[in-house]
C-alpha cells in the first residue's frame, strides 16, 4: 500500500497546508458579533476593519465557521485607537 503522501497531489503536500492554529487556553477568544457590539459598530464594519491593513486590526481566526479574535490583541487595538484618531468609516464624516 502506498504511503499517505503518495496519494496526495503535489499541490496538497502536508507541508504546504495552513499551519494549525495553536490555542493558548489562558486567552479569551471573542466572536466577531461580540466585537461589533463592544465597538458599537455593525458586523460589516468589523469586516471592513479586518480587511484594511492600515488599521492593524487583530487577525481573525475561523473556528467551526465562526470568526474569533484574541481579547488581548483587541485591547491593544483599542489602545492604539485611543492614542490616535479613530478609523474612518465609509459614509461618516
N, C-alpha and C. Protein backbone atom coordinates (compact mmCIF):
# COMPACT_ATOMS: atom_id res chain seq x y z
N UNK A 1 0.85 -1.19 0.00
CA UNK A 1 0.00 0.00 0.00
C UNK A 1 0.89 1.25 0.00
N UNK A 2 0.59 2.25 -0.86
CA UNK A 2 1.42 3.46 -0.91
C UNK A 2 1.27 4.28 0.36
N UNK A 3 2.30 5.05 0.64
CA UNK A 3 2.27 5.94 1.81
C UNK A 3 1.23 7.02 1.58
N UNK A 4 0.74 7.61 2.66
CA UNK A 4 -0.31 8.65 2.58
C UNK A 4 0.13 9.80 1.69
N UNK A 5 1.40 10.22 1.81
CA UNK A 5 1.89 11.34 1.00
C UNK A 5 1.90 11.02 -0.48
N UNK A 6 2.01 9.74 -0.83
CA UNK A 6 2.00 9.36 -2.25
C UNK A 6 0.61 9.50 -2.85
N UNK A 7 -0.43 9.50 -2.03
CA UNK A 7 -1.79 9.61 -2.52
C UNK A 7 -2.23 11.05 -2.74
N UNK A 8 -1.52 11.99 -2.16
CA UNK A 8 -1.87 13.40 -2.29
C UNK A 8 -1.29 13.99 -3.57
N UNK A 9 -2.05 14.82 -4.26
CA UNK A 9 -1.46 15.54 -5.39
C UNK A 9 -0.33 16.44 -4.91
N UNK A 10 0.55 16.82 -5.82
CA UNK A 10 1.70 17.66 -5.44
C UNK A 10 1.28 18.95 -4.76
N UNK A 11 0.15 19.52 -5.17
CA UNK A 11 -0.27 20.80 -4.59
C UNK A 11 -0.79 20.66 -3.17
N UNK A 12 -1.05 19.43 -2.71
CA UNK A 12 -1.61 19.25 -1.38
C UNK A 12 -0.64 18.55 -0.43
N UNK A 13 0.63 18.79 -0.61
CA UNK A 13 1.59 18.22 0.32
C UNK A 13 1.32 18.78 1.71
N UNK A 14 1.44 17.97 2.74
CA UNK A 14 1.15 18.45 4.10
C UNK A 14 1.94 19.69 4.49
N UNK A 15 3.16 19.84 3.99
CA UNK A 15 3.97 20.99 4.37
C UNK A 15 3.44 22.29 3.79
N UNK A 16 2.61 22.22 2.75
CA UNK A 16 2.09 23.43 2.11
C UNK A 16 0.72 23.82 2.63
N UNK A 17 0.13 23.01 3.50
CA UNK A 17 -1.16 23.36 4.07
C UNK A 17 -0.97 24.44 5.11
N UNK A 18 -2.09 25.07 5.50
CA UNK A 18 -2.02 26.09 6.54
C UNK A 18 -1.50 25.49 7.83
N UNK A 19 -0.77 26.31 8.55
CA UNK A 19 -0.26 25.85 9.85
C UNK A 19 -1.44 25.71 10.81
N UNK A 20 -1.41 24.73 11.67
CA UNK A 20 -2.51 24.60 12.64
C UNK A 20 -2.48 25.76 13.63
N UNK A 21 -3.66 26.16 14.04
CA UNK A 21 -3.80 27.25 15.00
C UNK A 21 -3.47 26.73 16.39
N UNK A 22 -2.51 27.36 17.02
CA UNK A 22 -2.14 26.98 18.39
C UNK A 22 -2.94 27.87 19.33
N UNK A 23 -3.75 27.24 20.14
CA UNK A 23 -4.63 27.98 21.04
C UNK A 23 -4.07 27.96 22.45
N UNK A 24 -3.90 29.14 23.00
CA UNK A 24 -3.46 29.28 24.39
C UNK A 24 -4.72 29.21 25.26
N UNK A 25 -4.83 28.23 26.13
CA UNK A 25 -6.04 28.11 26.94
C UNK A 25 -6.25 29.28 27.90
N UNK A 26 -5.21 30.07 28.11
CA UNK A 26 -5.33 31.22 29.01
C UNK A 26 -5.99 32.42 28.31
N UNK A 27 -6.00 32.44 26.99
CA UNK A 27 -6.54 33.57 26.24
C UNK A 27 -8.05 33.48 26.11
N UNK A 28 -8.69 34.63 26.09
CA UNK A 28 -10.13 34.68 25.84
C UNK A 28 -10.34 34.95 24.36
N UNK A 29 -11.17 34.14 23.71
CA UNK A 29 -11.48 34.29 22.29
C UNK A 29 -12.84 34.94 22.17
N UNK A 30 -12.91 36.03 21.38
CA UNK A 30 -14.12 36.83 21.28
C UNK A 30 -14.71 36.68 19.88
N UNK A 31 -15.99 36.27 19.77
CA UNK A 31 -16.61 36.16 18.45
C UNK A 31 -16.80 37.53 17.79
N UNK A 32 -16.85 37.55 16.46
CA UNK A 32 -16.98 38.81 15.73
C UNK A 32 -18.23 39.59 16.12
N UNK A 33 -19.32 38.91 16.37
CA UNK A 33 -20.56 39.61 16.75
C UNK A 33 -20.38 40.37 18.08
N UNK A 34 -19.67 39.77 19.00
CA UNK A 34 -19.42 40.44 20.29
C UNK A 34 -18.48 41.62 20.08
N UNK A 35 -17.50 41.46 19.21
CA UNK A 35 -16.58 42.56 18.90
C UNK A 35 -17.36 43.75 18.35
N UNK A 36 -18.28 43.48 17.42
CA UNK A 36 -19.09 44.56 16.84
C UNK A 36 -19.88 45.28 17.93
N UNK A 37 -20.47 44.54 18.85
CA UNK A 37 -21.24 45.17 19.94
C UNK A 37 -20.33 46.00 20.84
N UNK A 38 -19.16 45.49 21.16
CA UNK A 38 -18.25 46.22 22.05
C UNK A 38 -17.74 47.52 21.42
N UNK A 39 -17.57 47.52 20.10
CA UNK A 39 -17.11 48.72 19.42
C UNK A 39 -18.27 49.60 18.96
N UNK A 40 -19.51 49.16 19.18
CA UNK A 40 -20.70 49.90 18.79
C UNK A 40 -20.74 50.15 17.28
N UNK A 41 -20.42 49.10 16.52
CA UNK A 41 -20.46 49.17 15.07
C UNK A 41 -21.18 47.93 14.55
N UNK A 42 -21.43 47.90 13.25
CA UNK A 42 -22.08 46.74 12.64
C UNK A 42 -21.04 45.68 12.30
N UNK A 43 -21.52 44.48 12.06
CA UNK A 43 -20.64 43.38 11.68
C UNK A 43 -19.92 43.67 10.36
N UNK A 44 -20.61 44.24 9.34
CA UNK A 44 -19.87 44.59 8.12
C UNK A 44 -18.74 45.59 8.35
N UNK A 45 -18.91 46.48 9.33
CA UNK A 45 -17.85 47.44 9.66
C UNK A 45 -16.63 46.70 10.20
N UNK A 46 -16.85 45.71 11.06
CA UNK A 46 -15.73 44.92 11.59
C UNK A 46 -15.02 44.21 10.45
N UNK A 47 -15.78 43.69 9.49
CA UNK A 47 -15.17 43.02 8.34
C UNK A 47 -14.34 44.00 7.50
N UNK A 48 -14.82 45.23 7.36
CA UNK A 48 -14.02 46.24 6.63
C UNK A 48 -12.74 46.54 7.38
N UNK A 49 -12.82 46.67 8.70
CA UNK A 49 -11.63 46.94 9.50
C UNK A 49 -10.60 45.84 9.35
N UNK A 50 -11.06 44.59 9.39
CA UNK A 50 -10.10 43.48 9.30
C UNK A 50 -9.48 43.37 7.93
N UNK A 51 -10.14 43.90 6.90
CA UNK A 51 -9.60 43.86 5.54
C UNK A 51 -8.75 45.08 5.20
N UNK A 52 -8.64 46.04 6.13
CA UNK A 52 -7.84 47.24 5.89
C UNK A 52 -6.52 47.12 6.67
N UNK A 53 -5.42 46.79 5.98
CA UNK A 53 -4.16 46.57 6.69
C UNK A 53 -3.63 47.80 7.42
N UNK A 54 -4.04 49.00 6.99
CA UNK A 54 -3.55 50.22 7.65
C UNK A 54 -4.04 50.35 9.09
N UNK A 55 -5.18 49.73 9.40
CA UNK A 55 -5.74 49.85 10.74
C UNK A 55 -5.05 48.95 11.75
N UNK A 56 -4.48 47.87 11.30
CA UNK A 56 -3.82 46.95 12.22
C UNK A 56 -4.80 46.19 13.10
N UNK A 57 -5.98 45.88 12.55
CA UNK A 57 -6.97 45.12 13.32
C UNK A 57 -6.42 43.72 13.58
N UNK A 58 -6.68 43.17 14.76
CA UNK A 58 -6.13 41.84 15.10
C UNK A 58 -6.59 40.78 14.10
N UNK A 59 -5.77 39.77 13.89
CA UNK A 59 -6.15 38.71 12.96
C UNK A 59 -7.39 37.96 13.47
N UNK A 60 -8.22 37.55 12.52
CA UNK A 60 -9.42 36.79 12.84
C UNK A 60 -9.15 35.33 12.52
N UNK A 61 -9.47 34.47 13.46
CA UNK A 61 -9.27 33.03 13.29
C UNK A 61 -10.64 32.39 13.18
N UNK A 62 -10.82 31.55 12.19
CA UNK A 62 -12.09 30.89 11.98
C UNK A 62 -12.07 29.51 12.65
N UNK A 63 -13.00 29.31 13.57
CA UNK A 63 -13.16 28.04 14.25
C UNK A 63 -14.60 27.59 14.07
N UNK A 64 -14.79 26.47 13.38
CA UNK A 64 -16.13 25.95 13.11
C UNK A 64 -17.02 26.98 12.41
N UNK A 65 -16.44 27.74 11.51
CA UNK A 65 -17.20 28.71 10.73
C UNK A 65 -17.50 30.02 11.44
N UNK A 66 -16.99 30.21 12.64
CA UNK A 66 -17.21 31.45 13.39
C UNK A 66 -15.87 32.16 13.54
N UNK A 67 -15.86 33.47 13.27
CA UNK A 67 -14.64 34.24 13.39
C UNK A 67 -14.41 34.69 14.83
N UNK A 68 -13.17 34.56 15.28
CA UNK A 68 -12.79 34.96 16.64
C UNK A 68 -11.51 35.77 16.60
N UNK A 69 -11.37 36.67 17.58
CA UNK A 69 -10.12 37.38 17.80
C UNK A 69 -9.73 37.18 19.26
N UNK A 70 -8.46 37.35 19.53
CA UNK A 70 -7.95 37.18 20.90
C UNK A 70 -8.18 38.48 21.67
N UNK A 71 -8.70 38.36 22.89
CA UNK A 71 -9.06 39.53 23.71
C UNK A 71 -7.86 40.46 23.92
N UNK A 72 -6.68 39.92 24.21
CA UNK A 72 -5.52 40.77 24.48
C UNK A 72 -5.13 41.57 23.23
N UNK A 73 -5.30 41.00 22.05
CA UNK A 73 -5.00 41.72 20.81
C UNK A 73 -6.04 42.81 20.56
N UNK A 74 -7.30 42.55 20.94
CA UNK A 74 -8.33 43.58 20.82
C UNK A 74 -8.06 44.75 21.76
N UNK A 75 -7.59 44.43 22.97
CA UNK A 75 -7.24 45.51 23.91
C UNK A 75 -6.12 46.39 23.36
N UNK A 76 -5.13 45.77 22.74
CA UNK A 76 -4.03 46.54 22.14
C UNK A 76 -4.55 47.40 21.00
N UNK A 77 -5.48 46.87 20.21
CA UNK A 77 -6.08 47.64 19.11
C UNK A 77 -6.85 48.84 19.66
N UNK A 78 -7.64 48.62 20.73
CA UNK A 78 -8.38 49.71 21.35
C UNK A 78 -7.43 50.79 21.88
N UNK A 79 -6.32 50.37 22.46
CA UNK A 79 -5.35 51.33 22.99
C UNK A 79 -4.76 52.18 21.87
N UNK A 80 -4.48 51.55 20.73
CA UNK A 80 -3.96 52.31 19.59
C UNK A 80 -5.00 53.31 19.08
N UNK A 81 -6.27 52.90 19.08
CA UNK A 81 -7.33 53.82 18.65
C UNK A 81 -7.45 54.99 19.62
N UNK A 82 -7.34 54.70 20.92
CA UNK A 82 -7.46 55.76 21.92
C UNK A 82 -6.30 56.75 21.83
N UNK A 83 -5.14 56.27 21.42
CA UNK A 83 -3.96 57.13 21.33
C UNK A 83 -3.99 58.01 20.08
N UNK A 84 -4.69 57.57 19.06
CA UNK A 84 -4.73 58.32 17.80
C UNK A 84 -6.15 58.61 17.38
N UNK A 85 -6.30 58.81 16.08
CA UNK A 85 -7.62 59.09 15.54
C UNK A 85 -8.35 57.79 15.25
N UNK A 86 -9.67 57.76 15.50
CA UNK A 86 -10.43 56.53 15.21
C UNK A 86 -10.46 56.24 13.71
N UNK A 87 -10.69 54.99 13.36
CA UNK A 87 -10.72 54.64 11.94
C UNK A 87 -11.85 55.35 11.22
N UNK A 88 -11.61 55.71 9.98
CA UNK A 88 -12.63 56.35 9.16
C UNK A 88 -13.60 55.30 8.66
N UNK A 89 -14.88 55.57 8.84
CA UNK A 89 -15.90 54.65 8.36
C UNK A 89 -16.57 55.24 7.14
N UNK A 90 -16.84 54.40 6.16
CA UNK A 90 -17.47 54.85 4.93
C UNK A 90 -18.83 55.47 5.24
N UNK A 91 -19.09 56.64 4.66
CA UNK A 91 -20.38 57.28 4.84
C UNK A 91 -20.47 58.17 6.07
N UNK A 92 -19.43 58.23 6.89
CA UNK A 92 -19.42 59.06 8.09
C UNK A 92 -18.39 60.18 7.93
N UNK A 93 -18.68 61.29 8.52
CA UNK A 93 -17.75 62.42 8.43
C UNK A 93 -17.25 62.82 9.78
